[in-house]
Amino acid sequence: MEEHVEAVPVPEAVPPPPLPPPSPPRSVRGRDLLMGVGILWAVELLLGLGLVGIVGGHVENAGPVAVFACTALGLGITALVSWHFVCRKYGRTLVDGFAIRPVGRRTAVISVLTGLGGAVVGVGLLILFGTGKSFMDRLMADPTGFALMMPLVLSGPIIEETYYRGFLFPVLRKKLGAGAALFLVTVWFGASHAVQVAGDWVALPVIVAMGLVWTLLRHRSESLVPSMVSHWTYNAVLFAVSIVWRIAGG
């Protein structure tokens, strides 16, 4: 008599769970830096050519409205490009992407004092050795130019810090090392301000020195807050001095 053997059902093969999408890298890549810088250099070139075209080939004749429009547009695009390559592309917030981290009281005090001290040194050198004939001096001498430059002077430090110390410096430090990154960002920052001080070059060494100080603050604190605070303090003090100088009839 045959024994009945009950067939055992074969379990269906269960597909493996899908692999999670690869997480984005935690640091901005070198090619992002190259793309961002290339875009901004192209924009600056177009804006410069546009300004030259408006004033008939003589930049020194540029009026405050034209300079304000070009500068504001350049700063806006700089902020947008920096945000795209640091935050949007990697799914980060502004705080995380640009390392806007709180710092201790000591670092905060140092940030304010370096900005104040740099401004005092800069004003002193300009009084002793300045010609008062720089491109920025000419713009600020005009009442319209003075009013238009105020929002740029006070908002510029925030945007410049996100670009130089929030975007460029971390990538260059990772690729080239801290020393090379400090040197490159400092020189880069100073060169970008050469047009502003053309005709009164005594201000340029101060700008370069402050660029080094702000980059060091970013490097040592691992936060963008100290350089932002110091840079804003520097600009605010210089602008306050210019207001007092105008009131006094200087």
Protein backbone atom coordinates (compact mmCIF):
# COMPACT_ATOMS: atom_id res chain seq x y z
CA MET A 1 0.00 0.00 0.00
CA GLU A 2 1.51 3.33 -1.09
CA GLU A 3 2.12 5.96 1.57
CA HIS A 4 0.60 9.31 0.73
CA VAL A 5 3.15 12.11 1.00
CA GLU A 6 1.72 15.59 1.23
CA ALA A 7 3.48 18.07 -1.00
CA VAL A 8 5.19 20.85 0.86
CA PRO A 9 4.53 24.24 -0.81
CA VAL A 10 7.62 26.00 -2.01
CA PRO A 11 7.73 29.55 -0.63
CA GLU A 12 7.75 32.25 -3.21
CA ALA A 13 10.98 34.13 -3.58
CA VAL A 14 10.77 37.51 -1.87
CA PRO A 15 12.57 40.26 -3.77
CA PRO A 16 15.22 42.03 -1.74
CA PRO A 17 14.26 45.48 -0.49
CA PRO A 18 15.39 48.30 -2.75
CA LEU A 19 18.69 49.85 -1.87
CA PRO A 20 18.42 53.32 -0.39
CA PRO A 21 19.56 56.11 -2.70
CA PRO A 22 23.16 57.06 -2.15
CA SER A 23 23.49 59.93 0.26
CA PRO A 24 25.02 63.07 -1.19
CA PRO A 25 28.59 63.88 -0.20
CA ARG A 26 28.92 66.03 2.88
CA SER A 27 31.34 68.47 1.30
CA VAL A 28 31.15 70.50 -1.88
CA ARG A 29 33.09 68.97 -4.73
CA GLY A 30 35.90 70.66 -6.57
CA ARG A 31 33.98 70.66 -9.84
CA ASP A 32 31.16 72.56 -8.12
CA LEU A 33 33.68 75.21 -7.16
CA LEU A 34 34.94 75.45 -10.73
CA MET A 35 31.42 75.70 -12.12
CA GLY A 36 30.34 78.30 -9.57
CA VAL A 37 33.42 80.45 -10.08
CA GLY A 38 33.11 80.16 -13.86
CA ILE A 39 29.49 81.31 -13.75
CA LEU A 40 30.28 84.27 -11.53
CA TRP A 41 33.30 85.35 -13.57
CA ALA A 42 31.14 85.27 -16.70
CA VAL A 43 28.49 87.35 -14.94
CA GLU A 44 31.08 89.87 -13.72
CA LEU A 45 32.50 90.14 -17.23
CA LEU A 46 29.05 90.79 -18.71
CA LEU A 47 28.21 93.34 -16.04
CA GLY A 48 31.54 95.08 -16.55
CA LEU A 49 31.07 95.22 -20.30
CA GLY A 50 27.55 96.50 -19.78
CA LEU A 51 28.76 99.24 -17.46
CA VAL A 52 31.51 100.23 -19.88
CA GLY A 53 28.95 100.39 -22.66
CA ILE A 54 26.65 102.59 -20.61
CA VAL A 55 29.35 105.13 -19.78
CA GLY A 56 30.90 105.15 -23.24
CA GLY A 57 34.07 103.25 -22.45
CA HIS A 58 35.19 105.29 -19.45
CA VAL A 59 34.46 103.52 -16.17
CA GLU A 60 35.54 106.55 -14.16
CA ASN A 61 32.52 108.37 -15.57
CA ALA A 62 30.07 105.77 -14.28
CA GLY A 63 27.24 107.33 -12.32
CA PRO A 64 26.10 106.08 -8.91
CA VAL A 65 22.85 104.59 -10.24
CA ALA A 66 24.63 102.47 -12.85
CA VAL A 67 27.26 101.33 -10.34
CA PHE A 68 24.59 100.52 -7.78
CA ALA A 69 22.57 98.49 -10.29
CA CYS A 70 25.59 96.46 -11.45
CA THR A 71 26.90 95.90 -7.93
CA ALA A 72 23.51 94.89 -6.52
CA LEU A 73 22.90 92.52 -9.40
CA GLY A 74 26.36 91.00 -8.99
CA LEU A 75 25.88 90.48 -5.26
CA GLY A 76 22.47 88.93 -5.81
CA ILE A 77 23.78 86.45 -8.37
CA THR A 78 26.76 85.67 -6.13
CA ALA A 79 24.41 84.80 -3.28
CA LEU A 80 22.24 82.68 -5.56
CA VAL A 81 25.15 80.72 -7.09
CA SER A 82 26.75 80.14 -3.68
CA TRP A 83 23.44 78.90 -2.24
CA HIS A 84 22.87 76.59 -5.21
CA PHE A 85 26.23 74.82 -5.05
CA VAL A 86 26.51 74.70 -1.26
CA CYS A 87 22.91 74.13 -0.16
CA ARG A 88 20.39 73.31 -2.86
CA LYS A 89 22.49 70.75 -4.72
CA TYR A 90 23.23 68.83 -1.52
CA GLY A 91 19.87 69.21 0.18
CA ARG A 92 21.23 71.35 3.00
CA THR A 93 19.88 74.25 4.94
CA LEU A 94 21.67 77.58 4.96
CA VAL A 95 22.78 76.96 8.54
CA ASP A 96 24.30 73.57 7.72
CA GLY A 97 25.66 74.38 4.28
CA PHE A 98 27.47 77.57 5.23
CA ALA A 99 28.43 76.46 8.76
CA ILE A 100 26.46 79.24 10.44
CA ARG A 101 27.10 77.82 13.89
CA PRO A 102 26.95 79.64 17.24
CA VAL A 103 30.27 80.51 18.82
CA GLY A 104 31.43 81.27 22.34
CA ARG A 105 31.47 84.70 23.94
CA ARG A 106 35.24 85.01 23.60
CA THR A 107 35.13 84.37 19.86
CA ALA A 108 32.23 86.79 19.47
CA VAL A 109 34.15 89.54 21.28
CA ILE A 110 37.25 88.88 19.15
CA SER A 111 35.11 89.12 16.02
CA VAL A 112 33.76 92.54 16.97
CA LEU A 113 37.14 93.85 18.10
CA THR A 114 38.96 92.75 14.93
CA GLY A 115 36.35 94.48 12.77
CA LEU A 116 36.54 97.63 14.89
CA GLY A 117 40.33 97.59 15.01
CA GLY A 118 40.66 97.07 11.28
CA ALA A 119 38.33 99.97 10.58
CA VAL A 120 40.25 102.27 12.94
CA VAL A 121 43.56 101.37 11.28
CA GLY A 122 42.05 101.85 7.84
CA VAL A 123 40.65 105.28 8.70
CA GLY A 124 43.96 106.32 10.23
CA LEU A 125 45.94 105.33 7.15
CA LEU A 126 43.49 107.09 4.86
CA ILE A 127 43.72 110.29 6.92
CA LEU A 128 47.52 110.20 6.95
CA PHE A 129 48.29 108.93 3.46
CA GLY A 130 45.07 108.79 1.47
CA THR A 131 44.37 110.91 -1.57
CA GLY A 132 40.57 110.88 -1.28
CA LYS A 133 40.38 110.20 -5.01
CA SER A 134 39.44 106.55 -5.13
CA PHE A 135 36.55 105.28 -7.22
CA MET A 136 34.51 104.68 -4.05
CA ASP A 137 35.34 108.14 -2.68
CA ARG A 138 33.99 109.73 -5.85
CA LEU A 139 30.76 107.76 -5.63
CA MET A 140 30.28 108.50 -1.94
CA ALA A 141 30.85 112.23 -2.50
CA ASP A 142 27.64 112.37 -4.52
CA PRO A 143 24.51 112.49 -2.29
CA THR A 144 22.72 109.98 -4.51
CA GLY A 145 25.73 107.69 -4.51
CA PHE A 146 26.05 107.96 -0.74
CA ALA A 147 22.42 106.91 -0.26
CA LEU A 148 22.67 104.07 -2.76
CA MET A 149 25.91 102.70 -1.37
CA MET A 150 24.55 102.42 2.18
CA PRO A 151 22.52 99.20 1.64
CA LEU A 152 25.39 97.67 -0.34
CA VAL A 153 27.98 98.50 2.32
CA LEU A 154 25.83 96.93 5.04
CA SER A 155 24.58 93.88 3.13
CA GLY A 156 27.76 93.20 1.16
CA PRO A 157 29.67 91.60 4.07
CA ILE A 158 27.05 88.88 4.51
CA ILE A 159 27.06 87.93 0.83
CA GLU A 160 30.82 88.19 0.47
CA GLU A 161 31.37 85.96 3.48
CA THR A 162 29.03 83.28 2.16
CA TYR A 163 31.00 83.30 -1.10
CA TYR A 164 34.63 83.66 0.00
CA ARG A 165 34.59 81.96 3.39
CA GLY A 166 31.43 79.85 3.07
CA PHE A 167 31.84 78.50 -0.47
CA LEU A 168 35.41 78.94 -1.69
CA PHE A 169 37.46 78.42 1.46
CA PRO A 170 36.12 75.02 2.63
CA VAL A 171 36.58 73.49 -0.82
CA LEU A 172 40.07 74.91 -1.30
CA ARG A 173 41.08 73.84 2.21
CA LYS A 174 39.96 70.29 1.52
CA LYS A 175 41.72 70.12 -1.85
CA LEU A 176 44.89 72.14 -1.21
CA GLY A 177 45.31 72.36 2.55
CA ALA A 178 44.69 75.16 5.02
CA GLY A 179 47.78 77.23 4.19
CA ALA A 180 47.17 77.36 0.45
CA ALA A 181 43.47 78.01 0.98
CA LEU A 182 44.18 80.91 3.34
CA PHE A 183 46.59 82.46 0.85
CA LEU A 184 44.36 82.04 -2.20
CA VAL A 185 41.17 83.31 -0.60
CA THR A 186 42.98 86.31 0.91
CA VAL A 187 44.55 87.33 -2.39
CA TRP A 188 41.32 86.61 -4.26
CA PHE A 189 39.36 88.78 -1.84
CA GLY A 190 41.82 91.65 -2.05
CA ALA A 191 42.00 91.58 -5.85
CA SER A 192 38.21 91.74 -6.11
CA HIS A 193 38.26 95.08 -4.27
CA ALA A 194 41.01 96.67 -6.35
CA VAL A 195 38.58 98.63 -8.51
CA GLN A 196 36.96 100.21 -5.46
CA VAL A 197 40.23 101.66 -4.15
CA ALA A 198 41.73 102.57 -7.54
CA GLY A 199 43.33 105.97 -7.12
CA ASP A 200 43.86 105.56 -3.37
CA TRP A 201 45.87 102.37 -3.02
CA VAL A 202 46.69 102.84 0.66
CA ALA A 203 43.37 101.16 1.44
CA LEU A 204 44.23 97.94 -0.40
CA PRO A 205 46.75 96.52 2.14
CA VAL A 206 44.15 97.02 4.87
CA ILE A 207 41.53 95.14 2.85
CA VAL A 208 43.97 92.30 2.17
CA ALA A 209 44.93 92.12 5.86
CA MET A 210 41.29 92.04 6.92
CA GLY A 211 40.60 89.35 4.34
CA LEU A 212 43.27 87.23 6.00
CA VAL A 213 41.83 87.91 9.45
CA TRP A 214 38.32 86.91 8.36
CA THR A 215 39.57 83.74 6.69
CA LEU A 216 41.50 82.82 9.83
CA LEU A 217 38.39 83.38 11.94
CA ARG A 218 36.46 81.02 9.67
CA HIS A 219 39.25 78.45 9.77
CA ARG A 220 39.80 78.46 13.52
CA SER A 221 36.15 78.59 14.60
CA GLU A 222 34.71 76.26 11.94
CA SER A 223 31.84 78.72 11.75
CA LEU A 224 31.00 81.53 9.35
CA VAL A 225 29.51 83.68 12.12
CA PRO A 226 32.79 85.25 13.38
CA SER A 227 33.92 86.44 9.95
CA MET A 228 30.42 87.75 9.19
CA VAL A 229 30.31 89.70 12.45
CA SER A 230 33.82 91.09 12.03
CA HIS A 231 33.31 92.02 8.38
CA TRP A 232 29.97 93.70 9.08
CA THR A 233 31.45 95.62 12.02
CA TYR A 234 34.32 96.81 9.82
CA ASN A 235 31.99 98.08 7.10
CA ALA A 236 29.54 99.62 9.55
CA VAL A 237 32.28 101.57 11.34
CA LEU A 238 33.71 102.86 8.07
CA PHE A 239 30.27 103.95 6.94
CA ALA A 240 29.57 105.63 10.28
CA VAL A 241 32.87 107.52 10.01
CA SER A 242 31.97 108.66 6.50
CA ILE A 243 28.63 109.99 7.79
CA VAL A 244 30.36 111.94 10.55
CA TRP A 245 32.91 113.22 8.03
CA ARG A 246 30.15 114.51 5.76
CA ILE A 247 28.30 116.18 8.64
CA ALA A 248 31.54 117.84 9.75
CA GLY A 249 32.07 119.12 6.23
CA GLY A 250 35.16 117.04 5.53
